[in-house]
C-alpha atoms as a PDB file:
ATOM      1  CA  MET A   1     121.862 154.570 180.146  1.00  0.00           C
ATOM      2  CA  GLU A   2     118.524 155.907 179.006  1.00  0.00           C
ATOM      3  CA  ARG A   3     120.033 157.058 175.732  1.00  0.00           C
ATOM      4  CA  ASN A   4     121.584 153.627 175.114  1.00  0.00           C
ATOM      5  CA  LEU A   5     118.263 151.909 175.802  1.00  0.00           C
ATOM      6  CA  ILE A   6     116.469 154.128 173.318  1.00  0.00           C
ATOM      7  CA  ILE A   7     119.072 153.327 170.616  1.00  0.00           C
ATOM      8  CA  LEU A   8     118.767 149.563 171.305  1.00  0.00           C
ATOM      9  CA  LEU A   9     114.996 149.692 171.036  1.00  0.00           C
ATOM     10  CA  PHE A  10     115.313 151.601 167.749  1.00  0.00           C
ATOM     11  CA  VAL A  11     117.682 148.990 166.254  1.00  0.00           C
ATOM     12  CA  LEU A  12     115.423 146.132 167.365  1.00  0.00           C
ATOM     13  CA  SER A  13     112.436 147.907 165.872  1.00  0.00           C
ATOM     14  CA  SER A  14     114.298 148.359 162.585  1.00  0.00           C
ATOM     15  CA  VAL A  15     115.194 144.621 162.398  1.00  0.00           C
ATOM     16  CA  LEU A  16     111.609 143.569 163.034  1.00  0.00           C
ATOM     17  CA  SER A  17     110.393 146.081 160.448  1.00  0.00           C
ATOM     18  CA  ALA A  18     112.853 144.756 157.823  1.00  0.00           C
ATOM     19  CA  GLN A  19     111.730 141.163 158.501  1.00  0.00           C
ATOM     20  CA  ALA A  20     108.115 142.184 158.152  1.00  0.00           C
ATOM     21  CA  GLN A  21     108.833 143.811 154.789  1.00  0.00           C
ATOM     22  CA  GLN A  22     110.276 140.620 153.178  1.00  0.00           C
ATOM     23  CA  PRO A  23     107.897 139.482 150.419  1.00  0.00           C
ATOM     24  CA  PRO A  24     105.969 136.267 151.136  1.00  0.00           C
ATOM     25  CA  ASP A  25     106.413 133.223 148.904  1.00  0.00           C
ATOM     26  CA  ILE A  26     103.918 132.499 146.111  1.00  0.00           C
ATOM     27  CA  VAL A  27     102.477 129.000 146.561  1.00  0.00           C
ATOM     28  CA  SER A  28      99.836 128.795 143.800  1.00  0.00           C
ATOM     29  CA  PHE A  29      97.934 130.676 141.143  1.00  0.00           C
ATOM     30  CA  GLU A  30      94.577 130.523 139.389  1.00  0.00           C
ATOM     31  CA  TYR A  31      93.556 131.346 135.851  1.00  0.00           C
ATOM     32  CA  TRP A  32      90.335 131.488 133.843  1.00  0.00           C
ATOM     33  CA  PHE A  33      89.252 132.600 130.411  1.00  0.00           C
ATOM     34  CA  ASP A  34      87.028 135.454 129.297  1.00  0.00           C
ATOM     35  CA  GLN A  35      84.218 135.978 131.860  1.00  0.00           C
ATOM     36  CA  ASN A  36      84.015 132.355 132.949  1.00  0.00           C
ATOM     37  CA  HIS A  37      85.500 132.901 136.419  1.00  0.00           C
ATOM     38  CA  GLU A  38      83.520 129.984 137.830  1.00  0.00           C
ATOM     39  CA  ALA A  39      85.751 127.615 135.824  1.00  0.00           C
ATOM     40  CA  ARG A  40      88.943 128.803 137.509  1.00  0.00           C
ATOM     41  CA  ALA A  41      91.891 126.401 137.314  1.00  0.00           C
ATOM     42  CA  TYR A  42      94.022 126.086 140.462  1.00  0.00           C
ATOM     43  CA  VAL A  43      97.736 125.366 139.974  1.00  0.00           C
ATOM     44  CA  PRO A  44     100.069 124.749 142.981  1.00  0.00           C
ATOM     45  CA  VAL A  45     103.721 125.730 142.494  1.00  0.00           C
ATOM     46  CA  THR A  46     106.976 125.356 144.403  1.00  0.00           C
ATOM     47  CA  PRO A  47     106.992 128.215 146.937  1.00  0.00           C
ATOM     48  CA  ALA A  48     109.147 131.088 145.708  1.00  0.00           C
ATOM     49  CA  PRO A  49     109.093 134.892 145.875  1.00  0.00           C
ATOM     50  CA  MET A  50     108.622 134.976 142.097  1.00  0.00           C
ATOM     51  CA  ILE A  51     107.376 132.534 139.437  1.00  0.00           C
ATOM     52  CA  ASP A  52     107.707 132.630 135.642  1.00  0.00           C
ATOM     53  CA  LEU A  53     104.593 131.786 133.595  1.00  0.00           C
ATOM     54  CA  VAL A  54     106.234 132.119 130.163  1.00  0.00           C
ATOM     55  CA  ASP A  55     106.345 128.339 129.572  1.00  0.00           C
ATOM     56  CA  GLN A  56     103.312 127.493 131.693  1.00  0.00           C
ATOM     57  CA  GLN A  57     100.896 125.190 129.864  1.00  0.00           C
ATOM     58  CA  LEU A  58      97.287 126.391 130.026  1.00  0.00           C
ATOM     59  CA  ASN A  59      94.372 124.066 129.478  1.00  0.00           C
ATOM     60  CA  THR A  60      92.519 125.647 126.538  1.00  0.00           C
ATOM     61  CA  ALA A  61      90.263 122.647 125.872  1.00  0.00           C
ATOM     62  CA  GLY A  62      86.802 123.808 124.932  1.00  0.00           C
ATOM     63  CA  LEU A  63      87.867 127.247 123.742  1.00  0.00           C
ATOM     64  CA  SER A  64      86.998 128.219 120.197  1.00  0.00           C
ATOM     65  CA  GLN A  65      89.729 129.337 117.796  1.00  0.00           C
ATOM     66  CA  GLY A  66      90.441 133.044 117.823  1.00  0.00           C
ATOM     67  CA  GLN A  67      90.992 135.818 120.407  1.00  0.00           C
ATOM     68  CA  HIS A  68      90.313 135.321 124.125  1.00  0.00           C
ATOM     69  CA  LEU A  69      91.231 136.904 127.486  1.00  0.00           C
ATOM     70  CA  VAL A  70      93.073 134.976 130.187  1.00  0.00           C
ATOM     71  CA  HIS A  71      93.022 136.190 133.804  1.00  0.00           C
ATOM     72  CA  PHE A  72      95.602 135.330 136.509  1.00  0.00           C
ATOM     73  CA  ARG A  73      95.871 135.836 140.261  1.00  0.00           C
ATOM     74  CA  TRP A  74      98.516 134.555 142.704  1.00  0.00           C
ATOM     75  CA  LYS A  75      98.255 133.260 146.280  1.00  0.00           C
ATOM     76  CA  ASP A  76     101.010 133.879 148.874  1.00  0.00           C
ATOM     77  CA  GLN A  77     102.076 132.079 152.026  1.00  0.00           C
ATOM     78  CA  PRO A  78     103.132 134.626 154.653  1.00  0.00           C
ATOM     79  CA  SER A  79     105.232 133.525 157.568  1.00  0.00           C
ATOM     80  CA  ALA A  80     102.458 134.675 159.867  1.00  0.00           C
ATOM     81  CA  GLY A  81      98.923 135.711 159.309  1.00  0.00           C
ATOM     82  CA  GLN A  82      96.294 134.840 156.704  1.00  0.00           C
ATOM     83  CA  ALA A  83      97.157 133.969 153.073  1.00  0.00           C
ATOM     84  CA  CYS A  84      96.196 136.585 150.517  1.00  0.00           C
ATOM     85  CA  TRP A  85      95.343 136.650 146.801  1.00  0.00           C
ATOM     86  CA  SER A  86      96.879 139.218 144.476  1.00  0.00           C
ATOM     87  CA  SER A  87      94.919 141.491 142.229  1.00  0.00           C
ATOM     88  CA  VAL A  88      93.860 140.058 138.821  1.00  0.00           C
ATOM     89  CA  VAL A  89      96.172 140.431 135.808  1.00  0.00           C
ATOM     90  CA  THR A  90      94.608 140.048 132.339  1.00  0.00           C
ATOM     91  CA  ARG A  91      96.337 139.182 129.074  1.00  0.00           C
ATOM     92  CA  ALA A  92      95.175 138.612 125.494  1.00  0.00           C
ATOM     93  CA  LEU A  93      95.333 135.028 124.207  1.00  0.00           C
ATOM     94  CA  HIS A  94      95.010 133.672 120.647  1.00  0.00           C
ATOM     95  CA  VAL A  95      93.879 130.053 120.233  1.00  0.00           C
ATOM     96  CA  GLY A  96      94.973 128.478 116.941  1.00  0.00           C
ATOM     97  CA  GLN A  97      94.844 125.036 115.393  1.00  0.00           C
ATOM     98  CA  PRO A  98      96.040 122.156 117.575  1.00  0.00           C
ATOM     99  CA  GLY A  99      99.372 120.521 116.769  1.00  0.00           C
ATOM    100  CA  PRO A 100     101.260 118.875 115.333  1.00  0.00           C
ATOM    101  CA  TRP A 101     101.997 121.437 112.625  1.00  0.00           C
ATOM    102  CA  GLU A 102     103.537 120.022 109.449  1.00  0.00           C
ATOM    103  CA  ILE A 103     104.539 121.548 106.111  1.00  0.00           C
ATOM    104  CA  THR A 104     102.433 120.225 103.241  1.00  0.00           C
ATOM    105  CA  ALA A 105     103.121 122.639 100.381  1.00  0.00           C
ATOM    106  CA  ILE A 106     105.116 125.608  99.171  1.00  0.00           C
ATOM    107  CA  ARG A 107     104.104 128.338  96.758  1.00  0.00           C
ATOM    108  CA  TYR A 108     106.378 130.850  95.086  1.00  0.00           C
ATOM    109  CA  TRP A 109     106.340 133.708  92.580  1.00  0.00           C
ATOM    110  CA  TRP A 110     108.617 136.472  91.342  1.00  0.00           C
ATOM    111  CA  SER A 111     106.288 139.337  90.393  1.00  0.00           C
ATOM    112  CA  SER A 112     105.654 142.360  92.608  1.00  0.00           C
ATOM    113  CA  PHE A 113     102.076 141.271  93.367  1.00  0.00           C
ATOM    114  CA  ALA A 114     101.416 140.347  96.982  1.00  0.00           C
ATOM    115  CA  ASN A 115      99.416 137.258  95.991  1.00  0.00           C
ATOM    116  CA  PRO A 116      99.267 136.598  92.213  1.00  0.00           C
ATOM    117  CA  ALA A 117      96.226 134.829  90.839  1.00  0.00           C
ATOM    118  CA  PRO A 118      96.530 131.200  89.654  1.00  0.00           C
ATOM    119  CA  GLY A 119      97.603 130.997  86.033  1.00  0.00           C
ATOM    120  CA  THR A 120     100.074 133.866  86.336  1.00  0.00           C
ATOM    121  CA  ASP A 121     103.569 133.418  87.764  1.00  0.00           C
ATOM    122  CA  MET A 122     102.355 131.684  90.936  1.00  0.00           C
ATOM    123  CA  ARG A 123     103.635 128.101  91.266  1.00  0.00           C
ATOM    124  CA  TYR A 124     102.669 125.407  93.788  1.00  0.00           C
ATOM    125  CA  LEU A 125     104.651 122.403  95.017  1.00  0.00           C
ATOM    126  CA  ASN A 126     102.821 119.851  97.170  1.00  0.00           C
ATOM    127  CA  PHE A 127     104.695 117.364  99.346  1.00  0.00           C
ATOM    128  CA  GLU A 128     103.458 113.772  99.395  1.00  0.00           C
ATOM    129  CA  THR A 129     104.844 113.349 102.915  1.00  0.00           C
ATOM    130  CA  PRO A 130     104.229 116.268 105.339  1.00  0.00           C
ATOM    131  CA  GLN A 131     107.449 117.567 106.858  1.00  0.00           C
ATOM    132  CA  THR A 132     108.099 119.162 110.236  1.00  0.00           C
ATOM    133  CA  VAL A 133     111.373 120.737 109.095  1.00  0.00           C
ATOM    134  CA  LEU A 134     111.719 121.502 105.391  1.00  0.00           C
ATOM    135  CA  THR A 135     115.031 120.873 103.668  1.00  0.00           C
ATOM    136  CA  TYR A 136     114.529 121.195  99.918  1.00  0.00           C
ATOM    137  CA  ASP A 137     117.381 120.974  97.419  1.00  0.00           C
ATOM    138  CA  GLU A 138     115.489 119.756  94.353  1.00  0.00           C
ATOM    139  CA  LEU A 139     114.506 121.593  91.171  1.00  0.00           C
ATOM    140  CA  LEU A 140     111.742 124.184  91.185  1.00  0.00           C
ATOM    141  CA  GLU A 141     109.467 124.560  88.175  1.00  0.00           C
ATOM    142  CA  LEU A 142     110.225 128.012  86.713  1.00  0.00           C
ATOM    143  CA  CYS A 143     108.940 127.485  83.157  1.00  0.00           C
ATOM    144  CA  GLY A 144     108.038 130.772  81.517  1.00  0.00           C
ATOM    145  CA  TYR A 145     109.998 132.875  83.993  1.00  0.00           C
ATOM    146  CA  PRO A 146     112.328 135.382  82.309  1.00  0.00           C
ATOM    147  CA  SER A 147     116.026 134.626  82.590  1.00  0.00           C
ATOM    148  CA  GLY A 148     118.285 136.676  84.831  1.00  0.00           C
ATOM    149  CA  PRO A 149     118.308 137.569  88.538  1.00  0.00           C
ATOM    150  CA  HIS A 150     114.983 137.663  90.400  1.00  0.00           C
ATOM    151  CA  VAL A 151     113.753 137.972  93.957  1.00  0.00           C
ATOM    152  CA  LEU A 152     111.660 134.863  94.523  1.00  0.00           C
ATOM    153  CA  LYS A 153     108.876 135.083  97.107  1.00  0.00           C
ATOM    154  CA  LEU A 154     107.976 131.905  98.995  1.00  0.00           C
ATOM    155  CA  GLN A 155     105.311 130.792 101.478  1.00  0.00           C
ATOM    156  CA  LEU A 156     104.814 127.512 103.330  1.00  0.00           C
ATOM    157  CA  ARG A 157     101.426 125.913 104.034  1.00  0.00           C
ATOM    158  CA  ASP A 158     100.796 123.768 107.100  1.00  0.00           C
ATOM    159  CA  ASN A 159      98.480 120.795 107.512  1.00  0.00           C
ATOM    160  CA  HIS A 160      95.740 123.127 108.782  1.00  0.00           C
ATOM    161  CA  GLY A 161      95.686 125.111 105.531  1.00  0.00           C
ATOM    162  CA  GLN A 162      97.417 128.177 106.984  1.00  0.00           C
ATOM    163  CA  TRP A 163     100.102 129.983 104.957  1.00  0.00           C
ATOM    164  CA  SER A 164     103.240 131.390 106.534  1.00  0.00           C
ATOM    165  CA  SER A 165     104.529 134.906 106.122  1.00  0.00           C
ATOM    166  CA  VAL A 166     106.434 135.633 102.907  1.00  0.00           C
ATOM    167  CA  VAL A 167     110.174 135.002 102.739  1.00  0.00           C
ATOM    168  CA  THR A 168     112.377 136.040  99.824  1.00  0.00           C
ATOM    169  CA  GLN A 169     115.329 134.445  98.075  1.00  0.00           C
ATOM    170  CA  LEU A 170     117.533 135.895  95.332  1.00  0.00           C
ATOM    171  CA  VAL A 171     117.793 133.457  92.403  1.00  0.00           C
ATOM    172  CA  ASN A 172     119.371 133.574  88.968  1.00  0.00           C
ATOM    173  CA  ILE A 173     117.386 131.881  86.181  1.00  0.00           C
ATOM    174  CA  THR A 174     119.372 130.519  83.221  1.00  0.00           C
ATOM    175  CA  ASP A 175     117.823 129.288  79.978  1.00  0.00           C
ATOM    176  CA  THR A 176     118.547 125.604  79.269  1.00  0.00           C
ATOM    177  CA  PRO A 177     117.054 125.015  75.811  1.00  0.00           C
ATOM    178  CA  ASN A 178     118.519 121.538  75.291  1.00  0.00           C
ATOM    179  CA  MET A 179     117.881 118.164  76.889  1.00  0.00           C
ATOM    180  CA  ALA A 180     119.126 114.798  75.711  1.00  0.00           C
ATOM    181  CA  ILE A 181     119.357 111.155  76.746  1.00  0.00           C
ATOM    182  CA  THR A 182     122.245 109.695  74.752  1.00  0.00           C
ATOM    183  CA  SER A 183     121.961 106.005  75.603  1.00  0.00           C
ATOM    184  CA  ILE A 184     120.651 103.258  77.887  1.00  0.00           C
ATOM    185  CA  THR A 185     123.187 101.218  79.843  1.00  0.00           C
ATOM    186  CA  ALA A 186     122.773  97.909  81.683  1.00  0.00           C
ATOM    187  CA  SER A 187     124.278  96.818  85.001  1.00  0.00           C
ATOM    188  CA  GLU A 188     125.124  93.379  83.572  1.00  0.00           C
ATOM    189  CA  PRO A 189     127.347  92.685  80.552  1.00  0.00           C
ATOM    190  CA  GLN A 190     124.932  90.002  79.310  1.00  0.00           C
ATOM    191  CA  LEU A 191     121.135  90.043  79.294  1.00  0.00           C
ATOM    192  CA  CYS A 192     119.845  86.629  80.343  1.00  0.00           C
ATOM    193  CA  ILE A 193     116.329  85.303  81.011  1.00  0.00           C
ATOM    194  CA  GLY A 194     115.414  85.530  84.697  1.00  0.00           C
ATOM    195  CA  ASP A 195     118.221  87.925  85.635  1.00  0.00           C
ATOM    196  CA  THR A 196     117.553  91.147  87.518  1.00  0.00           C
ATOM    197  CA  VAL A 197     119.205  93.982  85.626  1.00  0.00           C
ATOM    198  CA  THR A 198     119.292  97.722  86.299  1.00  0.00           C
ATOM    199  CA  PHE A 199     118.953  99.930  83.228  1.00  0.00           C
ATOM    200  CA  THR A 200     120.052 103.557  83.384  1.00  0.00           C
ATOM    201  CA  ALA A 201     119.221 106.454  81.077  1.00  0.00           C
ATOM    202  CA  GLN A 202     122.387 108.453  80.406  1.00  0.00           C
ATOM    203  CA  ALA A 203     121.403 112.131  80.173  1.00  0.00           C
ATOM    204  CA  VAL A 204     123.707 114.906  79.036  1.00  0.00           C
ATOM    205  CA  ILE A 205     124.955 116.994  81.957  1.00  0.00           C
ATOM    206  CA  ALA A 206     126.044 120.397  80.689  1.00  0.00           C
ATOM    207  CA  PRO A 207     125.327 124.090  81.456  1.00  0.00           C
ATOM    208  CA  ASP A 208     123.091 124.436  78.381  1.00  0.00           C
ATOM    209  CA  HIS A 209     121.186 121.178  79.003  1.00  0.00           C
ATOM    210  CA  ALA A 210     118.225 120.638  81.285  1.00  0.00           C
ATOM    211  CA  LEU A 211     117.848 117.340  83.128  1.00  0.00           C
ATOM    212  CA  PRO A 212     114.701 115.209  82.941  1.00  0.00           C
ATOM    213  CA  THR A 213     112.604 115.266  86.103  1.00  0.00           C
ATOM    214  CA  SER A 214     110.638 112.103  85.265  1.00  0.00           C
ATOM    215  CA  TYR A 215     111.230 109.001  83.146  1.00  0.00           C
ATOM    216  CA  THR A 216     108.830 106.664  81.347  1.00  0.00           C
ATOM    217  CA  TRP A 217     110.170 103.219  80.475  1.00  0.00           C
ATOM    218  CA  SER A 218     108.889 100.474  78.176  1.00  0.00           C
ATOM    219  CA  PHE A 219     110.153  96.908  77.867  1.00  0.00           C
ATOM    220  CA  PRO A 220     109.332  93.687  75.998  1.00  0.00           C
ATOM    221  CA  SER A 221     105.977  92.259  77.056  1.00  0.00           C
ATOM    222  CA  ASP A 222     106.995  89.649  79.666  1.00  0.00           C
ATOM    223  CA  TRP A 223     109.739  91.660  81.366  1.00  0.00           C
ATOM    224  CA  GLU A 224     108.867  92.689  84.942  1.00  0.00           C
ATOM    225  CA  PRO A 225     109.845  96.217  86.053  1.00  0.00           C
ATOM    226  CA  GLN A 226     110.619  96.426  89.763  1.00  0.00           C
ATOM    227  CA  ALA A 227     111.841  99.465  91.691  1.00  0.00           C
ATOM    228  CA  SER A 228     112.813 102.673  89.890  1.00  0.00           C
ATOM    229  CA  ASP A 229     114.861 105.631  91.055  1.00  0.00           C
ATOM    230  CA  SER A 230     115.322 108.771  88.980  1.00  0.00           C
ATOM    231  CA  GLY A 231     116.856 107.687  85.669  1.00  0.00           C
ATOM    232  CA  SER A 232     117.347 104.018  86.625  1.00  0.00           C
ATOM    233  CA  ILE A 233     114.967 101.083  86.783  1.00  0.00           C
ATOM    234  CA  GLU A 234     115.369  97.486  87.958  1.00  0.00           C
ATOM    235  CA  VAL A 235     113.830  94.793  85.725  1.00  0.00           C
ATOM    236  CA  ILE A 236     113.501  90.998  85.785  1.00  0.00           C
ATOM    237  CA  LEU A 237     114.176  89.822  82.220  1.00  0.00           C
ATOM    238  CA  GLY A 238     111.670  87.639  80.396  1.00  0.00           C
ATOM    239  CA  SER A 239     112.058  85.611  77.220  1.00  0.00           C
ATOM    240  CA  SER A 240     110.616  88.184  74.823  1.00  0.00           C
ATOM    241  CA  LEU A 241     112.851  90.202  72.538  1.00  0.00           C
ATOM    242  CA  GLY A 242     112.348  93.753  71.385  1.00  0.00           C
ATOM    243  CA  GLU A 243     113.054  97.342  72.232  1.00  0.00           C
ATOM    244  CA  ILE A 244     113.843  98.947  75.559  1.00  0.00           C
ATOM    245  CA  SER A 245     112.937 102.630  75.439  1.00  0.00           C
ATOM    246  CA  VAL A 246     112.924 105.539  77.845  1.00  0.00           C
ATOM    247  CA  THR A 247     111.415 109.004  77.534  1.00  0.00           C
ATOM    248  CA  GLY A 248     112.573 111.780  79.806  1.00  0.00           C
ATOM    249  CA  THR A 249     110.379 114.784  80.562  1.00  0.00           C
ATOM    250  CA  ASN A 250     111.144 117.932  82.528  1.00  0.00           C
ATOM    251  CA  TYR A 251     108.921 120.471  84.284  1.00  0.00           C
ATOM    252  CA  CYS A 252     108.639 122.533  81.107  1.00  0.00           C
ATOM    253  CA  GLU A 253     107.297 119.508  79.168  1.00  0.00           C
ATOM    254  CA  GLN A 254     110.422 119.103  77.072  1.00  0.00           C
ATOM    255  CA  THR A 255     110.998 115.460  76.115  1.00  0.00           C
ATOM    256  CA  THR A 256     113.920 113.351  74.997  1.00  0.00           C
ATOM    257  CA  SER A 257     114.173 109.611  74.378  1.00  0.00           C
ATOM    258  CA  ALA A 258     116.563 106.772  73.699  1.00  0.00           C
ATOM    259  CA  SER A 259     116.146 103.096  72.878  1.00  0.00           C
ATOM    260  CA  LEU A 260     118.058  99.856  72.943  1.00  0.00           C
ATOM    261  CA  MET A 261     117.202  96.812  70.805  1.00  0.00           C
ATOM    262  CA  VAL A 262     117.484  93.402  72.514  1.00  0.00           C
ATOM    263  CA  THR A 263     117.862  90.541  70.024  1.00  0.00           C
ATOM    264  CA  ASN A 264     118.838  87.720  72.367  1.00  0.00           C
ATOM    265  CA  VAL A 265     118.377  86.759  76.026  1.00  0.00           C
ATOM    266  CA  ASN A 266     119.376  83.092  75.713  1.00  0.00           C
ATOM    267  CA  CYS A 267     122.880  83.371  77.121  1.00  0.00           C
ATOM    268  CA  THR A 268     125.331  80.888  75.588  1.00  0.00           C
ATOM    269  CA  VAL A 269     127.938  79.359  77.894  1.00  0.00           C
ATOM    270  CA  GLY A 270     131.280  77.946  76.740  1.00  0.00           C
ATOM    271  CA  LEU A 271     132.158  80.120  73.724  1.00  0.00           C
ATOM    272  CA  PRO A 272     135.372  81.856  74.825  1.00  0.00           C
ATOM    273  CA  GLU A 273     136.567  82.558  71.303  1.00  0.00           C
ATOM    274  CA  SER A 274     133.438  84.218  69.918  1.00  0.00           C
ATOM    275  CA  THR A 275     130.069  85.712  70.797  1.00  0.00           C
ATOM    276  CA  ALA A 276     127.280  84.479  68.553  1.00  0.00           C
ATOM    277  CA  ARG A 277     123.895  86.134  68.222  1.00  0.00           C
ATOM    278  CA  PRO A 278     121.165  84.401  66.203  1.00  0.00           C
ATOM    279  CA  ASP A 279     120.071  86.569  63.277  1.00  0.00           C
ATOM    280  CA  GLY A 280     122.866  89.001  64.151  1.00  0.00           C
ATOM    281  CA  PRO A 281     126.579  89.644  63.914  1.00  0.00           C
ATOM    282  CA  LEU A 282     129.412  87.478  65.190  1.00  0.00           C
ATOM    283  CA  VAL A 283     132.076  89.149  67.350  1.00  0.00           C
ATOM    284  CA  PHE A 284     135.335  87.256  67.854  1.00  0.00           C
ATOM    285  CA  PRO A 285     137.587  86.619  69.636  1.00  0.00           C
ATOM    286  CA  ASN A 286     135.781  87.541  72.809  1.00  0.00           C
ATOM    287  CA  PRO A 287     137.532  88.020  75.256  1.00  0.00           C
ATOM    288  CA  SER A 288     140.296  89.684  73.266  1.00  0.00           C
ATOM    289  CA  ASN A 289     143.546  91.556  73.842  1.00  0.00           C
ATOM    290  CA  GLY A 290     142.032  94.537  72.067  1.00  0.00           C
ATOM    291  CA  ILE A 291     141.370  93.463  68.444  1.00  0.00           C
ATOM    292  CA  PHE A 292     137.798  92.293  67.760  1.00  0.00           C
ATOM    293  CA  GLN A 293     136.475  91.126  64.381  1.00  0.00           C
ATOM    294  CA  ILE A 294     132.818  91.587  63.502  1.00  0.00           C
ATOM    295  CA  SER A 295     131.311  89.235  60.953  1.00  0.00           C
ATOM    296  CA  MET A 296     128.023  90.203  59.333  1.00  0.00           C
ATOM    297  CA  SER A 297     125.552  88.091  57.400  1.00  0.00           C
ATOM    298  CA  GLU A 298     126.079  88.086  53.674  1.00  0.00           C
ATOM    299  CA  GLY A 299     124.389  90.933  51.869  1.00  0.00           C
ATOM    300  CA  GLN A 300     123.860  93.103  54.977  1.00  0.00           C
ATOM    301  CA  ASP A 301     124.600  96.819  54.858  1.00  0.00           C
ATOM    302  CA  PRO A 302     127.665  98.114  56.753  1.00  0.00           C
ATOM    303  CA  PRO A 303     126.700  98.470  60.421  1.00  0.00           C
ATOM    304  CA  GLU A 304     126.956 101.442  62.744  1.00  0.00           C
ATOM    305  CA  LEU A 305     129.120 100.681  65.775  1.00  0.00           C
ATOM    306  CA  ILE A 306     128.921 102.336  69.221  1.00  0.00           C
ATOM    307  CA  VAL A 307     131.149 101.292  72.130  1.00  0.00           C
ATOM    308  CA  LEU A 308     130.205 102.272  75.709  1.00  0.00           C
ATOM    309  CA  ASP A 309     131.882 101.555  79.020  1.00  0.00           C
ATOM    310  CA  LEU A 310     129.786 100.327  81.944  1.00  0.00           C
ATOM    311  CA  LEU A 311     129.215 103.924  83.070  1.00  0.00           C
ATOM    312  CA  GLY A 312     127.609 104.737  79.721  1.00  0.00           C
ATOM    313  CA  ARG A 313     130.489 106.837  78.413  1.00  0.00           C
ATOM    314  CA  ARG A 314     130.982 106.583  74.680  1.00  0.00           C
ATOM    315  CA  LEU A 315     134.424 105.558  73.407  1.00  0.00           C
ATOM    316  CA  ILE A 316     136.001 106.497  70.083  1.00  0.00           C
ATOM    317  CA  PRO A 317     137.713 103.312  68.877  1.00  0.00           C
ATOM    318  CA  GLN A 318     139.629 102.719  65.672  1.00  0.00           C
ATOM    319  CA  ILE A 319     137.577 100.802  63.105  1.00  0.00           C
ATOM    320  CA  GLY A 320     139.076  99.161  60.029  1.00  0.00           C
ATOM    321  CA  SER A 321     138.749  96.119  57.750  1.00  0.00           C
ATOM    322  CA  SER A 322     140.563  92.806  57.625  1.00  0.00           C
ATOM    323  CA  ALA A 323     141.923  91.148  54.492  1.00  0.00           C
ATOM    324  CA  ASP A 324     138.758  89.023  54.162  1.00  0.00           C
ATOM    325  CA  GLY A 325     136.478  92.059  54.452  1.00  0.00           C
ATOM    326  CA  GLN A 326     135.487  91.696  58.116  1.00  0.00           C
ATOM    327  CA  LEU A 327     135.191  94.783  60.311  1.00  0.00           C
ATOM    328  CA  VAL A 328     138.021  95.184  62.813  1.00  0.00           C
ATOM    329  CA  LEU A 329     137.474  97.024  66.116  1.00  0.00           C
ATOM    330  CA  ASP A 330     140.663  98.175  67.836  1.00  0.00           C
ATOM    331  CA  LEU A 331     140.398  98.821  71.626  1.00  0.00           C
ATOM    332  CA  ARG A 332     144.065  98.331  72.493  1.00  0.00           C
ATOM    333  CA  ASN A 333     144.258 101.890  73.847  1.00  0.00           C
ATOM    334  CA  GLU A 334     141.486 101.242  76.385  1.00  0.00           C
ATOM    335  CA  ALA A 335     141.731  99.809  79.904  1.00  0.00           C
ATOM    336  CA  PRO A 336     140.963  96.111  80.465  1.00  0.00           C
ATOM    337  CA  GLY A 337     137.363  95.436  81.355  1.00  0.00           C
ATOM    338  CA  THR A 338     133.917  94.842  79.917  1.00  0.00           C
ATOM    339  CA  TYR A 339     132.381  97.144  77.315  1.00  0.00           C
ATOM    340  CA  MET A 340     129.024  97.252  75.548  1.00  0.00           C
ATOM    341  CA  LEU A 341     129.228  97.063  71.765  1.00  0.00           C
ATOM    342  CA  GLN A 342     126.058  98.329  70.076  1.00  0.00           C
ATOM    343  CA  ILE A 343     125.719  97.249  66.460  1.00  0.00           C
ATOM    344  CA  ARG A 344     123.070  98.862  64.309  1.00  0.00           C
ATOM    345  CA  VAL A 345     122.020  97.327  60.995  1.00  0.00           C
ATOM    346  CA  GLN A 346     119.277  99.331  59.279  1.00  0.00           C
ATOM    347  CA  HIS A 347     116.838 100.014  62.158  1.00  0.00           C
ATOM    348  CA  ALA A 348     117.745  97.078  64.426  1.00  0.00           C
ATOM    349  CA  TRP A 349     120.231  97.273  67.289  1.00  0.00           C
ATOM    350  CA  THR A 350     122.215  94.366  68.729  1.00  0.00           C
ATOM    351  CA  VAL A 351     124.069  94.720  72.039  1.00  0.00           C
ATOM    352  CA  VAL A 352     127.139  92.524  72.526  1.00  0.00           C
ATOM    353  CA  PRO A 353     129.163  92.616  75.769  1.00  0.00           C
ATOM    354  CA  ILE A 354     132.866  92.428  74.881  1.00  0.00           C
ATOM    355  CA  THR A 355     135.757  91.854  77.276  1.00  0.00           C
ATOM    356  CA  LEU A 356     139.218  93.352  76.910  1.00  0.00           C
ATOM    357  CA  VAL A 357     142.089  91.495  78.607  1.00  0.00           C
ATOM    358  CA  ARG A 358     145.842  91.873  78.661  1.00  0.00           C
END
């Protein structure tokens, strides 16, 4: 009996000892910066044996930018007895610029220098609208860079003037010595006073041709340009006649241009058999099943003819002469639709919309 009593007391003692060794719950913590312990911040938390401060927001208002020390201590809640504070834990803290952080520029270079001086191979691209996440799939200005494969170095700048670390991208630079705008096309088959028409510069797209990155348009004096987008521009037509011209420029300051002469904007209604242009040629019948005759004023030089579809693609029609000496344009091999006939006499262009029917 005595031996059994001793064993029972030992087991009971062990249970009480195990309960006493269970860690108490943490109920709060305090933190302060540098040596300013009088400005301690008290933060209550949900009681738990352990808390995670990784995502804990600290009030850094009033701290200067740069390096600081932050000190923590935790308070427990024992099941019995007086609450206790832990020892102090100190960590380094860096205070930077306040958010939001947005990308305002990018700079890039290919040489082996860590930070080339301006005027060398360093290039800058500034964004008109700051961006939180950068997705850039436009052209980069690489004028003067040697052709071939290169490792391009890039850095991003935020709205606080801080540059990111350097990232690299393998690129292959190909020479594109040519650039050309072949024609100007209109969204409407006829150009009439007061209409809103979109004009588009048709640039050559080919491996050995660069594309313009900006366009400069000019129109007759009382025409009103509206919105523009890349190689297209929307215009309200006035009553003046004259030349429409566009000049394309790329990052390397190459230029190319095209023009279109407008000789009439007074659209005539009710002439199904012919299209008349004052001081210009007469195209008839229009619409036609594919054979158009072009009558020129007496004594004029033979004209140059260009036929474009509404996408600006140039056609190669058959051109001949009738028995009375009129030019004959044969489009019977083309699909029905509207085409733009450009007629050049000396230095003046006339644009005549022609319709092919079956």
